[in-house]
PDB file of all heavy atoms in Angstrom:
ATOM      1  N   LEU A   1     -42.148-133.524 -10.765  1.00  0.00           N
ATOM      2  CA  LEU A   1     -42.775-134.818 -10.480  1.00  0.00           C
ATOM      3  C   LEU A   1     -41.745-135.950 -10.557  1.00  0.00           C
ATOM      4  O   LEU A   1     -41.793-136.896  -9.752  1.00  0.00           O
ATOM      5  CB  LEU A   1     -43.917-135.081 -11.468  1.00  0.00           C
ATOM      6  CG  LEU A   1     -45.167-134.220 -11.283  1.00  0.00           C
ATOM      7  CD1 LEU A   1     -46.155-134.466 -12.424  1.00  0.00           C
ATOM      8  CD2 LEU A   1     -45.834-134.523  -9.935  1.00  0.00           C
ATOM      9  N   HIS A   2     -40.835-135.849 -11.495  1.00  0.00           N
ATOM     10  CA  HIS A   2     -39.785-136.874 -11.624  1.00  0.00           C
ATOM     11  C   HIS A   2     -38.908-136.903 -10.377  1.00  0.00           C
ATOM     12  O   HIS A   2     -38.609-137.983  -9.836  1.00  0.00           O
ATOM     13  CB  HIS A   2     -38.941-136.604 -12.872  1.00  0.00           C
ATOM     14  CG  HIS A   2     -37.782-137.537 -13.031  1.00  0.00           C
ATOM     15  ND1 HIS A   2     -37.940-138.875 -13.347  1.00  0.00           N
ATOM     16  CD2 HIS A   2     -36.431-137.327 -12.886  1.00  0.00           C
ATOM     17  CE1 HIS A   2     -36.753-139.449 -13.385  1.00  0.00           C
ATOM     18  NE2 HIS A   2     -35.822-138.545 -13.125  1.00  0.00           N
ATOM     19  N   GLU A   3     -38.500-135.733  -9.907  1.00  0.00           N
ATOM     20  CA  GLU A   3     -37.644-135.678  -8.717  1.00  0.00           C
ATOM     21  C   GLU A   3     -38.404-136.122  -7.467  1.00  0.00           C
ATOM     22  O   GLU A   3     -37.831-136.783  -6.594  1.00  0.00           O
ATOM     23  CB  GLU A   3     -37.098-134.264  -8.545  1.00  0.00           C
ATOM     24  CG  GLU A   3     -36.113-133.857  -9.644  1.00  0.00           C
ATOM     25  CD  GLU A   3     -35.543-132.468  -9.419  1.00  0.00           C
ATOM     26  OE1 GLU A   3     -35.849-131.875  -8.367  1.00  0.00           O
ATOM     27  OE2 GLU A   3     -34.797-131.987 -10.289  1.00  0.00           O
ATOM     28  N   LEU A   4     -39.695-135.773  -7.392  1.00  0.00           N
ATOM     29  CA  LEU A   4     -40.507-136.215  -6.257  1.00  0.00           C
ATOM     30  C   LEU A   4     -40.661-137.734  -6.269  1.00  0.00           C
ATOM     31  O   LEU A   4     -40.670-138.378  -5.216  1.00  0.00           O
ATOM     32  CB  LEU A   4     -41.889-135.553  -6.283  1.00  0.00           C
ATOM     33  CG  LEU A   4     -41.943-134.081  -5.869  1.00  0.00           C
ATOM     34  CD1 LEU A   4     -43.332-133.506  -6.125  1.00  0.00           C
ATOM     35  CD2 LEU A   4     -41.600-133.928  -4.378  1.00  0.00           C
ATOM     36  N   SER A   5     -40.779-138.304  -7.465  1.00  0.00           N
ATOM     37  CA  SER A   5     -40.905-139.755  -7.580  1.00  0.00           C
ATOM     38  C   SER A   5     -39.668-140.458  -7.045  1.00  0.00           C
ATOM     39  O   SER A   5     -39.757-141.520  -6.416  1.00  0.00           O
ATOM     40  CB  SER A   5     -41.138-140.161  -9.039  1.00  0.00           C
ATOM     41  OG  SER A   5     -42.341-139.608  -9.530  1.00  0.00           O
ATOM     42  N   GLN A   6     -38.505-139.886  -7.313  1.00  0.00           N
ATOM     43  CA  GLN A   6     -37.268-140.480  -6.821  1.00  0.00           C
ATOM     44  C   GLN A   6     -37.130-140.309  -5.317  1.00  0.00           C
ATOM     45  O   GLN A   6     -36.611-141.187  -4.618  1.00  0.00           O
ATOM     46  CB  GLN A   6     -36.065-139.851  -7.532  1.00  0.00           C
ATOM     47  CG  GLN A   6     -35.990-140.189  -9.023  1.00  0.00           C
ATOM     48  CD  GLN A   6     -34.772-139.593  -9.672  1.00  0.00           C
ATOM     49  OE1 GLN A   6     -34.337-138.497  -9.318  1.00  0.00           O
ATOM     50  NE2 GLN A   6     -34.196-140.326 -10.636  1.00  0.00           N
ATOM     51  N   LEU A   7     -37.603-139.165  -4.809  1.00  0.00           N
ATOM     52  CA  LEU A   7     -37.467-138.873  -3.385  1.00  0.00           C
ATOM     53  C   LEU A   7     -38.453-139.671  -2.540  1.00  0.00           C
ATOM     54  O   LEU A   7     -38.094-140.208  -1.484  1.00  0.00           O
ATOM     55  CB  LEU A   7     -37.660-137.377  -3.137  1.00  0.00           C
ATOM     56  CG  LEU A   7     -37.495-136.894  -1.697  1.00  0.00           C
ATOM     57  CD1 LEU A   7     -36.047-137.068  -1.230  1.00  0.00           C
ATOM     58  CD2 LEU A   7     -37.916-135.435  -1.567  1.00  0.00           C
ATOM     59  N   LEU A   8     -39.714-139.762  -3.016  1.00  0.00           N
ATOM     60  CA  LEU A   8     -40.777-140.370  -2.210  1.00  0.00           C
ATOM     61  C   LEU A   8     -41.385-141.622  -2.824  1.00  0.00           C
ATOM     62  O   LEU A   8     -42.413-142.113  -2.344  1.00  0.00           O
ATOM     63  CB  LEU A   8     -41.889-139.334  -1.969  1.00  0.00           C
ATOM     64  CG  LEU A   8     -41.477-138.058  -1.242  1.00  0.00           C
ATOM     65  CD1 LEU A   8     -42.640-137.098  -1.150  1.00  0.00           C
ATOM     66  CD2 LEU A   8     -40.946-138.384   0.154  1.00  0.00           C
ATOM     67  N   ALA A   9     -40.788-142.102  -3.896  1.00  0.00           N
ATOM     68  CA  ALA A   9     -41.267-143.333  -4.561  1.00  0.00           C
ATOM     69  C   ALA A   9     -42.734-143.227  -4.965  1.00  0.00           C
ATOM     70  O   ALA A   9     -43.547-144.099  -4.654  1.00  0.00           O
ATOM     71  CB  ALA A   9     -41.040-144.535  -3.656  1.00  0.00           C
ATOM     72  N   LEU A  10     -43.080-142.133  -5.657  1.00  0.00           N
ATOM     73  CA  LEU A  10     -44.446-141.997  -6.173  1.00  0.00           C
ATOM     74  C   LEU A  10     -44.670-143.027  -7.287  1.00  0.00           C
ATOM     75  O   LEU A  10     -43.801-143.247  -8.119  1.00  0.00           O
ATOM     76  CB  LEU A  10     -44.683-140.598  -6.744  1.00  0.00           C
ATOM     77  CG  LEU A  10     -44.548-139.415  -5.785  1.00  0.00           C
ATOM     78  CD1 LEU A  10     -44.812-138.112  -6.528  1.00  0.00           C
ATOM     79  CD2 LEU A  10     -45.496-139.554  -4.605  1.00  0.00           C
ATOM     80  N   SER A  11     -45.845-143.632  -7.284  1.00  0.00           N
ATOM     81  CA  SER A  11     -46.172-144.620  -8.320  1.00  0.00           C
ATOM     82  C   SER A  11     -46.761-143.906  -9.537  1.00  0.00           C
ATOM     83  O   SER A  11     -47.143-142.737  -9.479  1.00  0.00           O
ATOM     84  CB  SER A  11     -47.175-145.639  -7.781  1.00  0.00           C
ATOM     85  OG  SER A  11     -48.425-145.018  -7.529  1.00  0.00           O
ATOM     86  N   GLU A  12     -46.848-144.641 -10.642  1.00  0.00           N
ATOM     87  CA  GLU A  12     -47.471-144.094 -11.851  1.00  0.00           C
ATOM     88  C   GLU A  12     -48.933-143.749 -11.588  1.00  0.00           C
ATOM     89  O   GLU A  12     -49.456-142.766 -12.113  1.00  0.00           O
ATOM     90  CB  GLU A  12     -47.367-145.118 -12.995  1.00  0.00           C
ATOM     91  CG  GLU A  12     -45.966-145.285 -13.558  1.00  0.00           C
ATOM     92  CD  GLU A  12     -45.453-144.008 -14.211  1.00  0.00           C
ATOM     93  OE1 GLU A  12     -46.281-143.263 -14.782  1.00  0.00           O
ATOM     94  OE2 GLU A  12     -44.244-143.746 -14.131  1.00  0.00           O
ATOM     95  N   GLU A  13     -49.611-144.560 -10.768  1.00  0.00           N
ATOM     96  CA  GLU A  13     -51.006-144.282 -10.443  1.00  0.00           C
ATOM     97  C   GLU A  13     -51.133-142.985  -9.645  1.00  0.00           C
ATOM     98  O   GLU A  13     -52.088-142.231  -9.834  1.00  0.00           O
ATOM     99  CB  GLU A  13     -51.611-145.453  -9.654  1.00  0.00           C
ATOM    100  CG  GLU A  13     -51.855-146.693 -10.509  1.00  0.00           C
ATOM    101  CD  GLU A  13     -52.605-147.759  -9.748  1.00  0.00           C
ATOM    102  OE1 GLU A  13     -52.683-147.663  -8.501  1.00  0.00           O
ATOM    103  OE2 GLU A  13     -53.130-148.688 -10.393  1.00  0.00           O
ATOM    104  N   ASP A  14     -50.173-142.730  -8.733  1.00  0.00           N
ATOM    105  CA  ASP A  14     -50.184-141.476  -7.972  1.00  0.00           C
ATOM    106  C   ASP A  14     -50.092-140.271  -8.922  1.00  0.00           C
ATOM    107  O   ASP A  14     -50.832-139.296  -8.775  1.00  0.00           O
ATOM    108  CB  ASP A  14     -49.018-141.427  -6.985  1.00  0.00           C
ATOM    109  CG  ASP A  14     -49.187-142.412  -5.834  1.00  0.00           C
ATOM    110  OD1 ASP A  14     -50.343-142.727  -5.486  1.00  0.00           O
ATOM    111  OD2 ASP A  14     -48.164-142.887  -5.305  1.00  0.00           O
ATOM    112  N   ILE A  15     -49.185-140.358  -9.874  1.00  0.00           N
ATOM    113  CA  ILE A  15     -48.967-139.236 -10.802  1.00  0.00           C
ATOM    114  C   ILE A  15     -50.160-139.058 -11.726  1.00  0.00           C
ATOM    115  O   ILE A  15     -50.598-137.924 -11.982  1.00  0.00           O
ATOM    116  CB  ILE A  15     -47.663-139.466 -11.603  1.00  0.00           C
ATOM    117  CG1 ILE A  15     -46.450-139.449 -10.654  1.00  0.00           C
ATOM    118  CG2 ILE A  15     -47.502-138.411 -12.688  1.00  0.00           C
ATOM    119  CD1 ILE A  15     -45.145-139.780 -11.304  1.00  0.00           C
ATOM    120  N   GLU A  16     -50.709-140.151 -12.228  1.00  0.00           N
ATOM    121  CA  GLU A  16     -51.880-140.051 -13.105  1.00  0.00           C
ATOM    122  C   GLU A  16     -53.077-139.462 -12.369  1.00  0.00           C
ATOM    123  O   GLU A  16     -53.805-138.623 -12.901  1.00  0.00           O
ATOM    124  CB  GLU A  16     -52.232-141.441 -13.653  1.00  0.00           C
ATOM    125  CG  GLU A  16     -51.235-141.950 -14.692  1.00  0.00           C
ATOM    126  CD  GLU A  16     -51.578-143.357 -15.171  1.00  0.00           C
ATOM    127  OE1 GLU A  16     -52.688-143.840 -14.826  1.00  0.00           O
ATOM    128  OE2 GLU A  16     -50.753-143.960 -15.877  1.00  0.00           O
ATOM    129  N   ALA A  17     -53.284-139.913 -11.131  1.00  0.00           N
ATOM    130  CA  ALA A  17     -54.397-139.385 -10.331  1.00  0.00           C
ATOM    131  C   ALA A  17     -54.202-137.899 -10.048  1.00  0.00           C
ATOM    132  O   ALA A  17     -55.158-137.121 -10.081  1.00  0.00           O
ATOM    133  CB  ALA A  17     -54.527-140.167  -9.028  1.00  0.00           C
ATOM    134  N   PHE A  18     -52.938-137.489  -9.774  1.00  0.00           N
ATOM    135  CA  PHE A  18     -52.655-136.071  -9.544  1.00  0.00           C
ATOM    136  C   PHE A  18     -52.979-135.233 -10.783  1.00  0.00           C
ATOM    137  O   PHE A  18     -53.600-134.167 -10.688  1.00  0.00           O
ATOM    138  CB  PHE A  18     -51.187-135.896  -9.152  1.00  0.00           C
ATOM    139  CG  PHE A  18     -50.678-134.493  -9.333  1.00  0.00           C
ATOM    140  CD1 PHE A  18     -51.061-133.483  -8.459  1.00  0.00           C
ATOM    141  CD2 PHE A  18     -49.838-134.169 -10.402  1.00  0.00           C
ATOM    142  CE1 PHE A  18     -50.604-132.179  -8.635  1.00  0.00           C
ATOM    143  CE2 PHE A  18     -49.377-132.884 -10.583  1.00  0.00           C
ATOM    144  CZ  PHE A  18     -49.767-131.885  -9.692  1.00  0.00           C
ATOM    145  N   LYS A  19     -52.565-135.709 -11.952  1.00  0.00           N
ATOM    146  CA  LYS A  19     -52.818-134.954 -13.182  1.00  0.00           C
ATOM    147  C   LYS A  19     -54.311-134.849 -13.487  1.00  0.00           C
ATOM    148  O   LYS A  19     -54.773-133.822 -14.007  1.00  0.00           O
ATOM    149  CB  LYS A  19     -52.073-135.599 -14.349  1.00  0.00           C
ATOM    150  CG  LYS A  19     -50.555-135.425 -14.255  1.00  0.00           C
ATOM    151  CD  LYS A  19     -49.831-136.010 -15.455  1.00  0.00           C
ATOM    152  CE  LYS A  19     -48.327-135.738 -15.371  1.00  0.00           C
ATOM    153  NZ  LYS A  19     -47.595-136.316 -16.520  1.00  0.00           N
ATOM    154  N   GLU A  20     -55.070-135.885 -13.155  1.00  0.00           N
ATOM    155  CA  GLU A  20     -56.519-135.814 -13.336  1.00  0.00           C
ATOM    156  C   GLU A  20     -57.131-134.768 -12.410  1.00  0.00           C
ATOM    157  O   GLU A  20     -58.002-133.991 -12.820  1.00  0.00           O
ATOM    158  CB  GLU A  20     -57.149-137.187 -13.055  1.00  0.00           C
ATOM    159  CG  GLU A  20     -56.871-138.222 -14.135  1.00  0.00           C
ATOM    160  CD  GLU A  20     -57.494-139.565 -13.797  1.00  0.00           C
ATOM    161  OE1 GLU A  20     -58.262-139.623 -12.803  1.00  0.00           O
ATOM    162  OE2 GLU A  20     -57.226-140.541 -14.519  1.00  0.00           O
ATOM    163  N   ARG A  21     -56.662-134.750 -11.146  1.00  0.00           N
ATOM    164  CA  ARG A  21     -57.176-133.752 -10.207  1.00  0.00           C
ATOM    165  C   ARG A  21     -56.774-132.344 -10.637  1.00  0.00           C
ATOM    166  O   ARG A  21     -57.542-131.387 -10.471  1.00  0.00           O
ATOM    167  CB  ARG A  21     -56.663-134.043  -8.792  1.00  0.00           C
ATOM    168  CG  ARG A  21     -57.315-135.239  -8.136  1.00  0.00           C
ATOM    169  CD  ARG A  21     -56.992-135.291  -6.658  1.00  0.00           C
ATOM    170  NE  ARG A  21     -55.602-135.616  -6.421  1.00  0.00           N
ATOM    171  CZ  ARG A  21     -55.138-136.857  -6.308  1.00  0.00           C
ATOM    172  NH1 ARG A  21     -55.946-137.884  -6.437  1.00  0.00           N
ATOM    173  NH2 ARG A  21     -53.861-137.075  -6.067  1.00  0.00           N
ATOM    174  N   MET A  22     -55.564-132.209 -11.167  1.00  0.00           N
ATOM    175  CA  MET A  22     -55.080-130.893 -11.588  1.00  0.00           C
ATOM    176  C   MET A  22     -55.950-130.318 -12.705  1.00  0.00           C
ATOM    177  O   MET A  22     -56.142-129.099 -12.790  1.00  0.00           O
ATOM    178  CB  MET A  22     -53.626-131.014 -12.050  1.00  0.00           C
ATOM    179  CG  MET A  22     -52.948-129.666 -12.285  1.00  0.00           C
ATOM    180  SD  MET A  22     -51.189-129.846 -12.655  1.00  0.00           S
ATOM    181  CE  MET A  22     -51.274-130.688 -14.242  1.00  0.00           C
ATOM    182  N   GLN A  23     -56.485-131.199 -13.588  1.00  0.00           N
ATOM    183  CA  GLN A  23     -57.332-130.722 -14.681  1.00  0.00           C
ATOM    184  C   GLN A  23     -58.623-130.113 -14.157  1.00  0.00           C
ATOM    185  O   GLN A  23     -59.257-129.285 -14.828  1.00  0.00           O
ATOM    186  CB  GLN A  23     -57.655-131.887 -15.624  1.00  0.00           C
ATOM    187  CG  GLN A  23     -56.449-132.467 -16.338  1.00  0.00           C
ATOM    188  CD  GLN A  23     -55.736-131.442 -17.208  1.00  0.00           C
ATOM    189  OE1 GLN A  23     -56.371-130.634 -17.861  1.00  0.00           O
ATOM    190  NE2 GLN A  23     -54.412-131.483 -17.215  1.00  0.00           N
ATOM    191  N   ARG A  24     -59.047-130.526 -12.965  1.00  0.00           N
ATOM    192  CA  ARG A  24     -60.317-130.043 -12.411  1.00  0.00           C
ATOM    193  C   ARG A  24     -60.140-128.833 -11.502  1.00  0.00           C
ATOM    194  O   ARG A  24     -61.129-128.304 -10.996  1.00  0.00           O
ATOM    195  CB  ARG A  24     -61.001-131.176 -11.625  1.00  0.00           C
ATOM    196  CG  ARG A  24     -61.321-132.401 -12.460  1.00  0.00           C
ATOM    197  CD  ARG A  24     -62.272-133.329 -11.713  1.00  0.00           C
ATOM    198  NE  ARG A  24     -61.705-133.851 -10.487  1.00  0.00           N
ATOM    199  CZ  ARG A  24     -61.072-135.016 -10.388  1.00  0.00           C
ATOM    200  NH1 ARG A  24     -60.943-135.772 -11.471  1.00  0.00           N
ATOM    201  NH2 ARG A  24     -60.598-135.447  -9.243  1.00  0.00           N
ATOM    202  N   GLN A  25     -58.888-128.424 -11.251  1.00  0.00           N
ATOM    203  CA  GLN A  25     -58.626-127.330 -10.321  1.00  0.00           C
ATOM    204  C   GLN A  25     -57.991-126.149 -11.040  1.00  0.00           C
ATOM    205  O   GLN A  25     -57.364-126.310 -12.098  1.00  0.00           O
ATOM    206  CB  GLN A  25     -57.686-127.790  -9.202  1.00  0.00           C
ATOM    207  CG  GLN A  25     -58.247-128.907  -8.335  1.00  0.00           C
ATOM    208  CD  GLN A  25     -59.206-128.412  -7.281  1.00  0.00           C
ATOM    209  OE1 GLN A  25     -59.505-127.225  -7.214  1.00  0.00           O
ATOM    210  NE2 GLN A  25     -59.713-129.311  -6.470  1.00  0.00           N
ATOM    211  N   ARG A  26     -58.145-124.970 -10.480  1.00  0.00           N
ATOM    212  CA  ARG A  26     -57.424-123.792 -10.962  1.00  0.00           C
ATOM    213  C   ARG A  26     -55.938-123.966 -10.620  1.00  0.00           C
ATOM    214  O   ARG A  26     -55.590-124.588  -9.621  1.00  0.00           O
ATOM    215  CB  ARG A  26     -57.969-122.525 -10.304  1.00  0.00           C
ATOM    216  CG  ARG A  26     -59.437-122.260 -10.625  1.00  0.00           C
ATOM    217  CD  ARG A  26     -59.604-121.806 -12.052  1.00  0.00           C
ATOM    218  NE  ARG A  26     -60.968-121.494 -12.356  1.00  0.00           N
ATOM    219  CZ  ARG A  26     -61.528-120.291 -12.166  1.00  0.00           C
ATOM    220  NH1 ARG A  26     -60.800-119.312 -11.646  1.00  0.00           N
ATOM    221  NH2 ARG A  26     -62.792-120.077 -12.475  1.00  0.00           N
ATOM    222  N   ARG A  27     -55.080-123.375 -11.453  1.00  0.00           N
ATOM    223  CA  ARG A  27     -53.639-123.581 -11.282  1.00  0.00           C
ATOM    224  C   ARG A  27     -53.089-122.946 -10.009  1.00  0.00           C
ATOM    225  O   ARG A  27     -51.978-123.271  -9.582  1.00  0.00           O
ATOM    226  CB  ARG A  27     -52.884-123.050 -12.500  1.00  0.00           C
ATOM    227  CG  ARG A  27     -53.121-123.868 -13.756  1.00  0.00           C
ATOM    228  CD  ARG A  27     -52.228-123.381 -14.885  1.00  0.00           C
ATOM    229  NE  ARG A  27     -50.803-123.497 -14.583  1.00  0.00           N
ATOM    230  CZ  ARG A  27     -50.104-124.618 -14.685  1.00  0.00           C
ATOM    231  NH1 ARG A  27     -50.683-125.732 -15.067  1.00  0.00           N
ATOM    232  NH2 ARG A  27     -48.807-124.635 -14.400  1.00  0.00           N
ATOM    233  N   PHE A  28     -53.852-122.036  -9.397  1.00  0.00           N
ATOM    234  CA  PHE A  28     -53.356-121.424  -8.162  1.00  0.00           C
ATOM    235  C   PHE A  28     -53.947-122.095  -6.914  1.00  0.00           C
ATOM    236  O   PHE A  28     -53.796-121.589  -5.804  1.00  0.00           O
ATOM    237  CB  PHE A  28     -53.641-119.910  -8.137  1.00  0.00           C
ATOM    238  CG  PHE A  28     -55.081-119.546  -8.422  1.00  0.00           C
ATOM    239  CD1 PHE A  28     -56.029-119.537  -7.423  1.00  0.00           C
ATOM    240  CD2 PHE A  28     -55.465-119.211  -9.707  1.00  0.00           C
ATOM    241  CE1 PHE A  28     -57.332-119.200  -7.690  1.00  0.00           C
ATOM    242  CE2 PHE A  28     -56.783-118.860  -9.986  1.00  0.00           C
ATOM    243  CZ  PHE A  28     -57.717-118.859  -8.976  1.00  0.00           C
ATOM    244  N   HIS A  29     -54.650-123.228  -7.088  1.00  0.00           N
ATOM    245  CA  HIS A  29     -55.179-123.977  -5.957  1.00  0.00           C
ATOM    246  C   HIS A  29     -54.258-125.147  -5.605  1.00  0.00           C
ATOM    247  O   HIS A  29     -53.553-125.680  -6.451  1.00  0.00           O
ATOM    248  CB  HIS A  29     -56.572-124.524  -6.288  1.00  0.00           C
ATOM    249  CG  HIS A  29     -57.642-123.479  -6.235  1.00  0.00           C
ATOM    250  ND1 HIS A  29     -58.878-123.641  -6.806  1.00  0.00           N
ATOM    251  CD2 HIS A  29     -57.652-122.252  -5.664  1.00  0.00           C
ATOM    252  CE1 HIS A  29     -59.610-122.570  -6.608  1.00  0.00           C
ATOM    253  NE2 HIS A  29     -58.891-121.712  -5.927  1.00  0.00           N
ATOM    254  N   HIS A  30     -54.323-125.555  -4.349  1.00  0.00           N
ATOM    255  CA  HIS A  30     -53.560-126.731  -3.899  1.00  0.00           C
ATOM    256  C   HIS A  30     -54.163-127.994  -4.511  1.00  0.00           C
ATOM    257  O   HIS A  30     -55.381-128.188  -4.492  1.00  0.00           O
ATOM    258  CB  HIS A  30     -53.600-126.835  -2.374  1.00  0.00           C
ATOM    259  CG  HIS A  30     -52.768-125.813  -1.682  1.00  0.00           C
ATOM    260  ND1 HIS A  30     -51.535-126.093  -1.125  1.00  0.00           N
ATOM    261  CD2 HIS A  30     -52.977-124.489  -1.461  1.00  0.00           C
ATOM    262  CE1 HIS A  30     -51.036-125.002  -0.582  1.00  0.00           C
ATOM    263  NE2 HIS A  30     -51.895-124.009  -0.760  1.00  0.00           N
ATOM    264  N   VAL A  31     -53.313-128.849  -5.033  1.00  0.00           N
ATOM    265  CA  VAL A  31     -53.742-130.131  -5.604  1.00  0.00           C
ATOM    266  C   VAL A  31     -52.972-131.244  -4.892  1.00  0.00           C
ATOM    267  O   VAL A  31     -51.743-131.198  -4.814  1.00  0.00           O
ATOM    268  CB  VAL A  31     -53.492-130.201  -7.121  1.00  0.00           C
ATOM    269  CG1 VAL A  31     -54.020-131.527  -7.682  1.00  0.00           C
ATOM    270  CG2 VAL A  31     -54.148-129.022  -7.835  1.00  0.00           C
ATOM    271  N   VAL A  32     -53.697-132.238  -4.397  1.00  0.00           N
ATOM    272  CA  VAL A  32     -53.075-133.338  -3.659  1.00  0.00           C
ATOM    273  C   VAL A  32     -52.315-134.246  -4.626  1.00  0.00           C
ATOM    274  O   VAL A  32     -52.844-134.674  -5.655  1.00  0.00           O
ATOM    275  CB  VAL A  32     -54.137-134.161  -2.901  1.00  0.00           C
ATOM    276  CG1 VAL A  32     -53.497-135.386  -2.240  1.00  0.00           C
ATOM    277  CG2 VAL A  32     -54.822-133.287  -1.849  1.00  0.00           C
ATOM    278  N   ILE A  33     -51.060-134.517  -4.283  1.00  0.00           N
ATOM    279  CA  ILE A  33     -50.261-135.479  -5.048  1.00  0.00           C
ATOM    280  C   ILE A  33     -50.400-136.865  -4.448  1.00  0.00           C
ATOM    281  O   ILE A  33     -50.649-137.836  -5.142  1.00  0.00           O
ATOM    282  CB  ILE A  33     -48.774-135.062  -5.078  1.00  0.00           C
ATOM    283  CG1 ILE A  33     -48.633-133.652  -5.689  1.00  0.00           C
ATOM    284  CG2 ILE A  33     -47.944-136.075  -5.863  1.00  0.00           C
ATOM    285  CD1 ILE A  33     -47.211-133.118  -5.614  1.00  0.00           C
ATOM    286  N   ARG A  34     -50.218-136.960  -3.125  1.00  0.00           N
ATOM    287  CA  ARG A  34     -50.400-138.241  -2.447  1.00  0.00           C
ATOM    288  C   ARG A  34     -50.759-138.005  -0.997  1.00  0.00           C
ATOM    289  O   ARG A  34     -50.239-137.086  -0.353  1.00  0.00           O
ATOM    290  CB  ARG A  34     -49.129-139.089  -2.534  1.00  0.00           C
ATOM    291  CG  ARG A  34     -49.432-140.577  -2.349  1.00  0.00           C
ATOM    292  CD  ARG A  34     -48.182-141.410  -2.360  1.00  0.00           C
ATOM    293  NE  ARG A  34     -47.571-141.462  -1.026  1.00  0.00           N
ATOM    294  CZ  ARG A  34     -46.358-141.958  -0.793  1.00  0.00           C
ATOM    295  NH1 ARG A  34     -45.622-142.385  -1.797  1.00  0.00           N
ATOM    296  NH2 ARG A  34     -45.880-142.009   0.419  1.00  0.00           N
ATOM    297  N   GLN A  35     -51.676-138.839  -0.498  1.00  0.00           N
ATOM    298  CA  GLN A  35     -52.089-138.744   0.896  1.00  0.00           C
ATOM    299  C   GLN A  35     -51.392-139.795   1.737  1.00  0.00           C
ATOM    300  O   GLN A  35     -50.699-140.676   1.227  1.00  0.00           O
ATOM    301  CB  GLN A  35     -53.611-138.920   1.010  1.00  0.00           C
ATOM    302  CG  GLN A  35     -54.409-137.792   0.355  1.00  0.00           C
ATOM    303  CD  GLN A  35     -55.895-138.023   0.452  1.00  0.00           C
ATOM    304  OE1 GLN A  35     -56.362-139.154   0.370  1.00  0.00           O
ATOM    305  NE2 GLN A  35     -56.656-136.964   0.621  1.00  0.00           N
ATOM    306  N   ARG A  36     -51.577-139.653   3.034  1.00  0.00           N
ATOM    307  CA  ARG A  36     -51.069-140.628   4.010  1.00  0.00           C
ATOM    308  C   ARG A  36     -49.574-140.859   3.897  1.00  0.00           C
ATOM    309  O   ARG A  36     -49.084-141.980   3.745  1.00  0.00           O
ATOM    310  CB  ARG A  36     -51.824-141.958   3.875  1.00  0.00           C
ATOM    311  CG  ARG A  36     -53.295-141.850   4.250  1.00  0.00           C
ATOM    312  CD  ARG A  36     -53.946-143.225   4.330  1.00  0.00           C
ATOM    313  NE  ARG A  36     -55.318-143.110   4.785  1.00  0.00           N
ATOM    314  CZ  ARG A  36     -56.114-144.154   5.048  1.00  0.00           C
ATOM    315  NH1 ARG A  36     -55.641-145.375   4.914  1.00  0.00           N
ATOM    316  NH2 ARG A  36     -57.348-143.971   5.440  1.00  0.00           N
ATOM    317  N   LEU A  37     -48.814-139.792   3.963  1.00  0.00           N
ATOM    318  CA  LEU A  37     -47.359-139.912   3.999  1.00  0.00           C
ATOM    319  C   LEU A  37     -46.918-140.459   5.360  1.00  0.00           C
ATOM    320  O   LEU A  37     -47.513-140.127   6.391  1.00  0.00           O
ATOM    321  CB  LEU A  37     -46.696-138.553   3.762  1.00  0.00           C
ATOM    322  CG  LEU A  37     -46.943-137.874   2.410  1.00  0.00           C
ATOM    323  CD1 LEU A  37     -46.218-136.552   2.385  1.00  0.00           C
ATOM    324  CD2 LEU A  37     -46.508-138.752   1.259  1.00  0.00           C
ATOM    325  N   THR A  38     -45.879-141.269   5.352  1.00  0.00           N
ATOM    326  CA  THR A  38     -45.334-141.764   6.613  1.00  0.00           C
ATOM    327  C   THR A  38     -44.478-140.679   7.254  1.00  0.00           C
ATOM    328  O   THR A  38     -44.087-139.691   6.607  1.00  0.00           O
ATOM    329  CB  THR A  38     -44.484-143.023   6.372  1.00  0.00           C
ATOM    330  OG1 THR A  38     -43.344-142.660   5.573  1.00  0.00           O
ATOM    331  CG2 THR A  38     -45.300-144.095   5.637  1.00  0.00           C
TER     332      THR A  38
END
């Protein structure tokens, strides 16, 4: 996540939202980190 933040400028809100979604999903499922990439 740290390296992705440097590469794509992920915000703290993006990372927090991802971790919340990850808690609701199985670890072998796809979890969205950020939508609408340029």
